Amino acid sequence: MIIYGHRGARGEAPENTLAGFEMAYRHGIRHFELDVLLSADGVPVVIHDLTVERTTGREGKVASLTATDLGRLDARHNTTPWPRPVGVPSLEDVLRACPEVSHYQFEVKSDARGRLNILCNRLTELIQRHRMFESVAVTSSDTWFLQEIKRRNRKIRTGFVAGRRFPRPVTTARRLDCSYLIPSWRICSAEMVQQAHRHDMHVSVWTVNRIHDMLEMEKIGVDSIITDFPTSTRIYFDNRTSTQERLTYQSVKSAMG
C-alpha cells in the first residue's frame, strides 16, 4: 500500500509546513499530498485555505500577501502542537527540503480564474524545469484548471479530486484525460476502483486515518491512501509485512521438516 502524507503530516506536525514535510521525510515517507495557492507576488505557496486565519491566527488573504510575508507568519494555530514557529513555505522550499520524494500530489484549490491561470503557468514551468513528469500529479476538483494544465503540456499527469458520487468521478476523470482519480474514501467503492483501473487510472483515496478504513480500502483495490498520520501508518504496514514474511518462512521451514 502506498502511503501519502496529507498536507505533509497533518496529524503529526503543523499542516503544509516544512516542519511537517521534514519530519515525515526523516521517517521514510516518500509520497506527499500538498495544497498549492498563488501568493501576491506570483509564487506558488503551500497552504490549504484562501485565507491565513485558520492556521496562523492572522487576518488576510493569501492573494494579498507575498511569499516572504507568508514565510514570516507562524502556522501553528489550530493544528498539531509544535515547539518552534513555522511559516507558510513556498513550493520550491518543500522540494528543496525533500529532495528524493518518489511522488507528489500538488492539489490546486479553486480560486479566481486569473490567479489560477498564472498558477497554471508557474506549475507547468516548475515541473518542466525540474523534469518532474513522472514524480508529480497536479490534482484539483476544478475541471477548468485540469484542462488548462493539459493544454500547456500533455506530459504533465493530472488527477481529478472527487467528493461526491455524482457526476460520476470516473467519467469526469476520463473526459479530462486524468491519470489519477482521487475520491474521498467515503464515496469510493470496488466498482469505482475497477472502472478507474480499466482506464489505467491510479486510485488514491483521502483522507483515511483509521487502520480499519485503510484495510477496507486495501480490500477494494485502491492503489494508495492519503492520511494525516503517514509515519505511524507506515510503521503499521511495515510491521504487518514483516510478520507475514516471518510466518511464511516458519510455514515453509516446518513443511521441509
C-alpha atoms as a PDB file:
ATOM      1  CA  MET A   1       0.000   0.000   0.000  1.00  0.00           C
ATOM      2  CA  ILE A   2       1.391   3.403  -0.999  1.00  0.00           C
ATOM      3  CA  ILE A   3       1.023   5.975   1.771  1.00  0.00           C
ATOM      4  CA  TYR A   4       0.788   9.708   1.028  1.00  0.00           C
ATOM      5  CA  GLY A   5       1.300  12.190   3.831  1.00  0.00           C
ATOM      6  CA  HIS A   6      -1.712  14.543   3.801  1.00  0.00           C
ATOM      7  CA  ARG A   7      -0.605  18.192   3.811  1.00  0.00           C
ATOM      8  CA  GLY A   8       2.792  16.825   4.799  1.00  0.00           C
ATOM      9  CA  ALA A   9       1.826  15.023   8.004  1.00  0.00           C
ATOM     10  CA  ARG A  10      -1.166  16.954   9.277  1.00  0.00           C
ATOM     11  CA  GLY A  11      -1.832  14.763  12.306  1.00  0.00           C
ATOM     12  CA  GLU A  12       1.809  14.648  13.406  1.00  0.00           C
ATOM     13  CA  ALA A  13       3.079  18.193  12.751  1.00  0.00           C
ATOM     14  CA  PRO A  14       1.666  21.556  11.593  1.00  0.00           C
ATOM     15  CA  GLU A  15      -0.008  21.082   8.217  1.00  0.00           C
ATOM     16  CA  ASN A  16       1.649  22.184   4.988  1.00  0.00           C
ATOM     17  CA  THR A  17       4.825  23.356   6.756  1.00  0.00           C
ATOM     18  CA  LEU A  18       8.479  22.482   6.278  1.00  0.00           C
ATOM     19  CA  ALA A  19       8.437  21.037   9.796  1.00  0.00           C
ATOM     20  CA  GLY A  20       5.786  18.527   8.768  1.00  0.00           C
ATOM     21  CA  PHE A  21       7.385  17.525   5.492  1.00  0.00           C
ATOM     22  CA  GLU A  22      10.850  17.228   7.008  1.00  0.00           C
ATOM     23  CA  MET A  23       9.636  15.188   9.982  1.00  0.00           C
ATOM     24  CA  ALA A  24       7.792  12.693   7.777  1.00  0.00           C
ATOM     25  CA  TYR A  25      10.670  12.599   5.285  1.00  0.00           C
ATOM     26  CA  ARG A  26      13.122  11.702   8.076  1.00  0.00           C
ATOM     27  CA  HIS A  27      10.825   8.825   8.996  1.00  0.00           C
ATOM     28  CA  GLY A  28      10.882   7.407   5.493  1.00  0.00           C
ATOM     29  CA  ILE A  29       7.786   8.911   3.897  1.00  0.00           C
ATOM     30  CA  ARG A  30       8.408   9.438   0.179  1.00  0.00           C
ATOM     31  CA  HIS A  31       4.912  10.282  -1.061  1.00  0.00           C
ATOM     32  CA  PHE A  32       3.223  13.576  -0.202  1.00  0.00           C
ATOM     33  CA  GLU A  33      -0.028  15.380  -0.935  1.00  0.00           C
ATOM     34  CA  LEU A  34       0.006  19.155  -0.506  1.00  0.00           C
ATOM     35  CA  ASP A  35      -2.064  22.216  -1.402  1.00  0.00           C
ATOM     36  CA  VAL A  36      -0.844  24.980  -3.703  1.00  0.00           C
ATOM     37  CA  LEU A  37      -2.028  28.577  -3.993  1.00  0.00           C
ATOM     38  CA  LEU A  38      -0.509  31.703  -5.545  1.00  0.00           C
ATOM     39  CA  SER A  39       0.992  34.458  -3.395  1.00  0.00           C
ATOM     40  CA  ALA A  40       0.567  38.175  -4.144  1.00  0.00           C
ATOM     41  CA  ASP A  41       3.925  38.216  -5.937  1.00  0.00           C
ATOM     42  CA  GLY A  42       3.138  35.202  -8.117  1.00  0.00           C
ATOM     43  CA  VAL A  43       4.946  32.483  -6.137  1.00  0.00           C
ATOM     44  CA  PRO A  44       3.344  29.030  -5.658  1.00  0.00           C
ATOM     45  CA  VAL A  45       2.999  28.570  -1.888  1.00  0.00           C
ATOM     46  CA  VAL A  46       1.873  25.584   0.170  1.00  0.00           C
ATOM     47  CA  ILE A  47      -1.312  26.346   2.109  1.00  0.00           C
ATOM     48  CA  HIS A  48      -4.830  24.912   2.076  1.00  0.00           C
ATOM     49  CA  ASP A  49      -7.137  27.902   2.685  1.00  0.00           C
ATOM     50  CA  LEU A  50      -7.560  31.055   0.623  1.00  0.00           C
ATOM     51  CA  THR A  51      -7.040  32.998   3.870  1.00  0.00           C
ATOM     52  CA  VAL A  52      -4.347  32.630   6.540  1.00  0.00           C
ATOM     53  CA  GLU A  53      -6.621  32.938   9.583  1.00  0.00           C
ATOM     54  CA  ARG A  54      -7.183  29.274  10.437  1.00  0.00           C
ATOM     55  CA  THR A  55      -3.545  28.190  10.518  1.00  0.00           C
ATOM     56  CA  THR A  56      -1.782  31.427  11.525  1.00  0.00           C
ATOM     57  CA  GLY A  57      -4.323  33.330  13.629  1.00  0.00           C
ATOM     58  CA  ARG A  58      -3.749  36.403  11.456  1.00  0.00           C
ATOM     59  CA  GLU A  59      -6.230  38.006   9.075  1.00  0.00           C
ATOM     60  CA  GLY A  60      -5.644  38.313   5.368  1.00  0.00           C
ATOM     61  CA  LYS A  61      -5.930  36.552   2.043  1.00  0.00           C
ATOM     62  CA  VAL A  62      -3.095  34.526   0.590  1.00  0.00           C
ATOM     63  CA  ALA A  63      -3.623  36.554  -2.577  1.00  0.00           C
ATOM     64  CA  SER A  64      -2.736  39.778  -0.751  1.00  0.00           C
ATOM     65  CA  LEU A  65       0.488  38.552   0.909  1.00  0.00           C
ATOM     66  CA  THR A  66       3.882  37.997  -0.673  1.00  0.00           C
ATOM     67  CA  ALA A  67       5.743  34.718  -0.310  1.00  0.00           C
ATOM     68  CA  THR A  68       8.124  36.472   2.116  1.00  0.00           C
ATOM     69  CA  ASP A  69       5.192  37.758   4.201  1.00  0.00           C
ATOM     70  CA  LEU A  70       3.693  34.272   4.344  1.00  0.00           C
ATOM     71  CA  GLY A  71       7.000  32.749   5.354  1.00  0.00           C
ATOM     72  CA  ARG A  72       7.186  35.103   8.339  1.00  0.00           C
ATOM     73  CA  LEU A  73       3.820  34.018   9.757  1.00  0.00           C
ATOM     74  CA  ASP A  74       3.516  31.354  12.436  1.00  0.00           C
ATOM     75  CA  ALA A  75       1.420  28.493  11.038  1.00  0.00           C
ATOM     76  CA  ARG A  76       0.930  26.562  14.293  1.00  0.00           C
ATOM     77  CA  HIS A  77      -2.666  27.599  15.001  1.00  0.00           C
ATOM     78  CA  ASN A  78      -5.499  25.049  15.071  1.00  0.00           C
ATOM     79  CA  THR A  79      -3.130  22.238  14.225  1.00  0.00           C
ATOM     80  CA  THR A  80      -0.773  19.736  15.830  1.00  0.00           C
ATOM     81  CA  PRO A  81       1.347  21.346  18.586  1.00  0.00           C
ATOM     82  CA  TRP A  82       4.929  22.166  17.624  1.00  0.00           C
ATOM     83  CA  PRO A  83       7.759  23.674  19.713  1.00  0.00           C
ATOM     84  CA  ARG A  84       9.067  26.210  17.183  1.00  0.00           C
ATOM     85  CA  PRO A  85       7.452  28.797  14.887  1.00  0.00           C
ATOM     86  CA  VAL A  86       6.912  27.564  11.333  1.00  0.00           C
ATOM     87  CA  GLY A  87       5.885  29.721   8.393  1.00  0.00           C
ATOM     88  CA  VAL A  88       3.980  29.109   5.183  1.00  0.00           C
ATOM     89  CA  PRO A  89       6.554  27.680   2.741  1.00  0.00           C
ATOM     90  CA  SER A  90       6.892  28.161  -0.966  1.00  0.00           C
ATOM     91  CA  LEU A  91       6.559  25.059  -3.123  1.00  0.00           C
ATOM     92  CA  GLU A  92      10.239  25.355  -4.043  1.00  0.00           C
ATOM     93  CA  ASP A  93      11.088  25.335  -0.303  1.00  0.00           C
ATOM     94  CA  VAL A  94       9.369  21.969   0.086  1.00  0.00           C
ATOM     95  CA  LEU A  95      11.071  20.489  -2.968  1.00  0.00           C
ATOM     96  CA  ARG A  96      14.478  21.535  -1.655  1.00  0.00           C
ATOM     97  CA  ALA A  97      13.752  20.159   1.832  1.00  0.00           C
ATOM     98  CA  CYS A  98      12.697  16.739   0.493  1.00  0.00           C
ATOM     99  CA  PRO A  99      14.988  16.067  -2.480  1.00  0.00           C
ATOM    100  CA  GLU A 100      14.275  12.366  -3.039  1.00  0.00           C
ATOM    101  CA  VAL A 101      10.495  12.121  -2.843  1.00  0.00           C
ATOM    102  CA  SER A 102       9.051   9.404  -5.058  1.00  0.00           C
ATOM    103  CA  HIS A 103       5.811  11.215  -5.840  1.00  0.00           C
ATOM    104  CA  TYR A 104       3.853  14.358  -5.034  1.00  0.00           C
ATOM    105  CA  GLN A 105       0.216  15.238  -5.489  1.00  0.00           C
ATOM    106  CA  PHE A 106       0.001  19.013  -5.933  1.00  0.00           C
ATOM    107  CA  GLU A 107      -3.632  19.848  -5.201  1.00  0.00           C
ATOM    108  CA  VAL A 108      -4.799  23.184  -6.579  1.00  0.00           C
ATOM    109  CA  LYS A 109      -7.793  24.746  -4.847  1.00  0.00           C
ATOM    110  CA  SER A 110     -10.446  26.755  -6.660  1.00  0.00           C
ATOM    111  CA  ASP A 111      -9.509  30.433  -6.853  1.00  0.00           C
ATOM    112  CA  ALA A 112     -10.112  33.460  -9.065  1.00  0.00           C
ATOM    113  CA  ARG A 113      -9.760  32.443 -12.716  1.00  0.00           C
ATOM    114  CA  GLY A 114      -6.978  34.960 -13.420  1.00  0.00           C
ATOM    115  CA  ARG A 115      -4.909  33.700 -10.473  1.00  0.00           C
ATOM    116  CA  LEU A 116      -5.473  30.094 -11.485  1.00  0.00           C
ATOM    117  CA  ASN A 117      -4.245  30.922 -14.957  1.00  0.00           C
ATOM    118  CA  ILE A 118      -0.983  32.347 -13.575  1.00  0.00           C
ATOM    119  CA  LEU A 119      -0.589  29.410 -11.166  1.00  0.00           C
ATOM    120  CA  CYS A 120      -1.091  27.041 -14.079  1.00  0.00           C
ATOM    121  CA  ASN A 121       1.832  28.698 -15.863  1.00  0.00           C
ATOM    122  CA  ARG A 122       4.019  28.597 -12.743  1.00  0.00           C
ATOM    123  CA  LEU A 123       3.387  24.920 -12.053  1.00  0.00           C
ATOM    124  CA  THR A 124       3.982  23.991 -15.683  1.00  0.00           C
ATOM    125  CA  GLU A 125       7.298  25.869 -15.633  1.00  0.00           C
ATOM    126  CA  LEU A 126       8.342  24.268 -12.336  1.00  0.00           C
ATOM    127  CA  ILE A 127       7.537  20.715 -13.448  1.00  0.00           C
ATOM    128  CA  GLN A 128       9.316  21.224 -16.762  1.00  0.00           C
ATOM    129  CA  ARG A 129      12.368  22.834 -15.141  1.00  0.00           C
ATOM    130  CA  HIS A 130      12.757  20.065 -12.560  1.00  0.00           C
ATOM    131  CA  ARG A 131      11.722  17.381 -15.062  1.00  0.00           C
ATOM    132  CA  MET A 132       9.119  16.044 -12.634  1.00  0.00           C
ATOM    133  CA  PHE A 133       6.782  14.490 -15.199  1.00  0.00           C
ATOM    134  CA  GLU A 134       6.998  11.072 -13.513  1.00  0.00           C
ATOM    135  CA  SER A 135       7.059  12.273  -9.907  1.00  0.00           C
ATOM    136  CA  VAL A 136       4.146  14.760  -9.816  1.00  0.00           C
ATOM    137  CA  ALA A 137       0.434  14.684 -10.442  1.00  0.00           C
ATOM    138  CA  VAL A 138      -1.347  18.037 -10.467  1.00  0.00           C
ATOM    139  CA  THR A 139      -4.751  17.429  -8.925  1.00  0.00           C
ATOM    140  CA  SER A 140      -7.882  19.504  -8.468  1.00  0.00           C
ATOM    141  CA  SER A 141     -11.662  19.441  -8.326  1.00  0.00           C
ATOM    142  CA  ASP A 142     -11.592  22.432 -10.705  1.00  0.00           C
ATOM    143  CA  THR A 143     -12.127  20.894 -14.132  1.00  0.00           C
ATOM    144  CA  TRP A 144     -11.182  24.093 -15.959  1.00  0.00           C
ATOM    145  CA  PHE A 145      -7.794  24.135 -14.267  1.00  0.00           C
ATOM    146  CA  LEU A 146      -7.102  20.488 -15.130  1.00  0.00           C
ATOM    147  CA  GLN A 147      -7.918  21.199 -18.774  1.00  0.00           C
ATOM    148  CA  GLU A 148      -5.571  24.189 -18.770  1.00  0.00           C
ATOM    149  CA  ILE A 149      -2.670  22.175 -17.347  1.00  0.00           C
ATOM    150  CA  LYS A 150      -3.097  19.588 -20.109  1.00  0.00           C
ATOM    151  CA  ARG A 151      -3.339  22.330 -22.717  1.00  0.00           C
ATOM    152  CA  ARG A 152       0.057  23.670 -21.664  1.00  0.00           C
ATOM    153  CA  ASN A 153       1.854  20.322 -21.550  1.00  0.00           C
ATOM    154  CA  ARG A 154       0.189  16.976 -22.138  1.00  0.00           C
ATOM    155  CA  LYS A 155       3.085  15.162 -20.459  1.00  0.00           C
ATOM    156  CA  ILE A 156       2.006  16.534 -17.063  1.00  0.00           C
ATOM    157  CA  ARG A 157      -0.084  13.993 -15.202  1.00  0.00           C
ATOM    158  CA  THR A 158      -3.324  15.204 -13.697  1.00  0.00           C
ATOM    159  CA  GLY A 159      -5.822  13.899 -11.166  1.00  0.00           C
ATOM    160  CA  PHE A 160      -9.478  14.642 -10.514  1.00  0.00           C
ATOM    161  CA  VAL A 161     -10.392  15.175  -6.845  1.00  0.00           C
ATOM    162  CA  ALA A 162     -13.933  13.952  -6.157  1.00  0.00           C
ATOM    163  CA  GLY A 163     -16.028  14.429  -3.043  1.00  0.00           C
ATOM    164  CA  ARG A 164     -19.358  13.224  -4.451  1.00  0.00           C
ATOM    165  CA  ARG A 165     -20.570  10.183  -6.349  1.00  0.00           C
ATOM    166  CA  PHE A 166     -22.347  12.336  -8.936  1.00  0.00           C
ATOM    167  CA  PRO A 167     -21.491  13.389 -11.518  1.00  0.00           C
ATOM    168  CA  ARG A 168     -19.635  10.112 -11.897  1.00  0.00           C
ATOM    169  CA  PRO A 169     -15.989  10.682 -10.890  1.00  0.00           C
ATOM    170  CA  VAL A 170     -14.506   8.105 -13.284  1.00  0.00           C
ATOM    171  CA  THR A 171     -16.409   9.570 -16.232  1.00  0.00           C
ATOM    172  CA  THR A 172     -15.213  13.085 -15.369  1.00  0.00           C
ATOM    173  CA  ALA A 173     -11.604  11.962 -14.858  1.00  0.00           C
ATOM    174  CA  ARG A 174     -11.628  10.092 -18.150  1.00  0.00           C
ATOM    175  CA  ARG A 175     -13.057  13.086 -20.020  1.00  0.00           C
ATOM    176  CA  LEU A 176     -10.232  15.219 -18.591  1.00  0.00           C
ATOM    177  CA  ASP A 177      -7.591  12.623 -19.585  1.00  0.00           C
ATOM    178  CA  CYS A 178      -6.521  12.196 -15.949  1.00  0.00           C
ATOM    179  CA  SER A 179      -4.010   9.592 -14.811  1.00  0.00           C
ATOM    180  CA  TYR A 180      -5.210   9.807 -11.207  1.00  0.00           C
ATOM    181  CA  LEU A 181      -8.606   9.587  -9.575  1.00  0.00           C
ATOM    182  CA  ILE A 182      -8.663  10.991  -6.029  1.00  0.00           C
ATOM    183  CA  PRO A 183     -12.043  10.281  -4.410  1.00  0.00           C
ATOM    184  CA  SER A 184     -12.996  10.697  -0.770  1.00  0.00           C
ATOM    185  CA  TRP A 185     -12.707   7.269   0.821  1.00  0.00           C
ATOM    186  CA  ARG A 186     -16.326   7.638   1.905  1.00  0.00           C
ATOM    187  CA  ILE A 187     -17.587   7.508  -1.682  1.00  0.00           C
ATOM    188  CA  CYS A 188     -15.067   5.014  -3.005  1.00  0.00           C
ATOM    189  CA  SER A 189     -16.341   1.567  -3.960  1.00  0.00           C
ATOM    190  CA  ALA A 190     -14.923  -1.582  -5.521  1.00  0.00           C
ATOM    191  CA  GLU A 191     -16.895  -0.795  -8.683  1.00  0.00           C
ATOM    192  CA  MET A 192     -15.373   2.703  -8.881  1.00  0.00           C
ATOM    193  CA  VAL A 193     -11.863   1.308  -8.443  1.00  0.00           C
ATOM    194  CA  GLN A 194     -12.432  -1.343 -11.106  1.00  0.00           C
ATOM    195  CA  GLN A 195     -13.758   1.218 -13.574  1.00  0.00           C
ATOM    196  CA  ALA A 196     -10.793   3.523 -12.941  1.00  0.00           C
ATOM    197  CA  HIS A 197      -8.314   0.671 -13.374  1.00  0.00           C
ATOM    198  CA  ARG A 198      -9.905  -0.274 -16.676  1.00  0.00           C
ATOM    199  CA  HIS A 199      -8.858   3.177 -17.865  1.00  0.00           C
ATOM    200  CA  ASP A 200      -5.349   2.857 -16.332  1.00  0.00           C
ATOM    201  CA  MET A 201      -6.001   5.356 -13.551  1.00  0.00           C
ATOM    202  CA  HIS A 202      -4.254   5.291 -10.192  1.00  0.00           C
ATOM    203  CA  VAL A 203      -6.855   5.491  -7.400  1.00  0.00           C
ATOM    204  CA  SER A 204      -5.732   7.471  -4.339  1.00  0.00           C
ATOM    205  CA  VAL A 205      -8.298   7.984  -1.555  1.00  0.00           C
ATOM    206  CA  TRP A 206      -8.478  10.797   1.018  1.00  0.00           C
ATOM    207  CA  THR A 207      -8.339  11.289   3.989  1.00  0.00           C
ATOM    208  CA  VAL A 208      -8.039   7.892   5.696  1.00  0.00           C
ATOM    209  CA  ASN A 209      -6.960   7.968   9.335  1.00  0.00           C
ATOM    210  CA  ARG A 210      -8.262   4.726  10.846  1.00  0.00           C
ATOM    211  CA  ILE A 211      -6.493   1.410  10.230  1.00  0.00           C
ATOM    212  CA  HIS A 212      -9.855  -0.332   9.827  1.00  0.00           C
ATOM    213  CA  ASP A 213     -10.808   2.031   6.990  1.00  0.00           C
ATOM    214  CA  MET A 214      -7.374   1.667   5.392  1.00  0.00           C
ATOM    215  CA  LEU A 215      -7.789  -2.111   5.325  1.00  0.00           C
ATOM    216  CA  GLU A 216     -11.240  -1.728   3.771  1.00  0.00           C
ATOM    217  CA  MET A 217      -9.766   0.490   1.059  1.00  0.00           C
ATOM    218  CA  GLU A 218      -6.975  -2.021   0.507  1.00  0.00           C
ATOM    219  CA  LYS A 219      -9.564  -4.779   0.169  1.00  0.00           C
ATOM    220  CA  ILE A 220     -11.427  -2.989  -2.647  1.00  0.00           C
ATOM    221  CA  GLY A 221      -8.173  -2.436  -4.522  1.00  0.00           C
ATOM    222  CA  VAL A 222      -7.191   1.221  -4.152  1.00  0.00           C
ATOM    223  CA  ASP A 223      -3.597   1.999  -5.130  1.00  0.00           C
ATOM    224  CA  SER A 224      -2.788   4.468  -2.357  1.00  0.00           C
ATOM    225  CA  ILE A 225      -4.195   6.244   0.662  1.00  0.00           C
ATOM    226  CA  ILE A 226      -3.738   9.845   1.802  1.00  0.00           C
ATOM    227  CA  THR A 227      -3.513  10.094   5.578  1.00  0.00           C
ATOM    228  CA  ASP A 228      -2.853  12.665   8.298  1.00  0.00           C
ATOM    229  CA  PHE A 229      -0.666  10.094  10.080  1.00  0.00           C
ATOM    230  CA  PRO A 230       1.795   8.826   7.479  1.00  0.00           C
ATOM    231  CA  THR A 231       4.641   7.805   9.790  1.00  0.00           C
ATOM    232  CA  SER A 232       2.511   5.732  12.186  1.00  0.00           C
ATOM    233  CA  THR A 233       0.613   4.246   9.212  1.00  0.00           C
ATOM    234  CA  ARG A 234       3.882   3.237   7.579  1.00  0.00           C
ATOM    235  CA  ILE A 235       5.000   1.554  10.815  1.00  0.00           C
ATOM    236  CA  TYR A 236       1.775  -0.477  10.886  1.00  0.00           C
ATOM    237  CA  PHE A 237       2.093  -1.707   7.298  1.00  0.00           C
ATOM    238  CA  ASP A 238       5.833  -2.374   7.630  1.00  0.00           C
ATOM    239  CA  ASN A 239       5.235  -4.439  10.773  1.00  0.00           C
ATOM    240  CA  ARG A 240       2.404  -6.321   9.111  1.00  0.00           C
ATOM    241  CA  THR A 241       4.626  -7.189   6.159  1.00  0.00           C
ATOM    242  CA  SER A 242       7.429  -8.337   8.459  1.00  0.00           C
ATOM    243  CA  THR A 243       5.013 -10.527  10.420  1.00  0.00           C
ATOM    244  CA  GLN A 244       3.591 -12.081   7.239  1.00  0.00           C
ATOM    245  CA  GLU A 245       7.071 -12.820   5.908  1.00  0.00           C
ATOM    246  CA  ARG A 246       8.110 -14.377   9.223  1.00  0.00           C
ATOM    247  CA  LEU A 247       5.009 -16.593   9.318  1.00  0.00           C
ATOM    248  CA  THR A 248       5.550 -17.645   5.701  1.00  0.00           C
ATOM    249  CA  TYR A 249       9.178 -18.535   6.454  1.00  0.00           C
ATOM    250  CA  GLN A 250       8.163 -20.572   9.505  1.00  0.00           C
ATOM    251  CA  SER A 251       5.492 -22.420   7.490  1.00  0.00           C
ATOM    252  CA  VAL A 252       7.973 -23.295   4.741  1.00  0.00           C
ATOM    253  CA  LYS A 253      10.562 -24.387   7.293  1.00  0.00           C
ATOM    254  CA  SER A 254       8.008 -26.614   9.058  1.00  0.00           C
ATOM    255  CA  ALA A 255       6.905 -28.168   5.747  1.00  0.00           C
ATOM    256  CA  MET A 256      10.519 -29.033   4.935  1.00  0.00           C
ATOM    257  CA  GLY A 257      10.872 -30.807   8.275  1.00  0.00           C
END
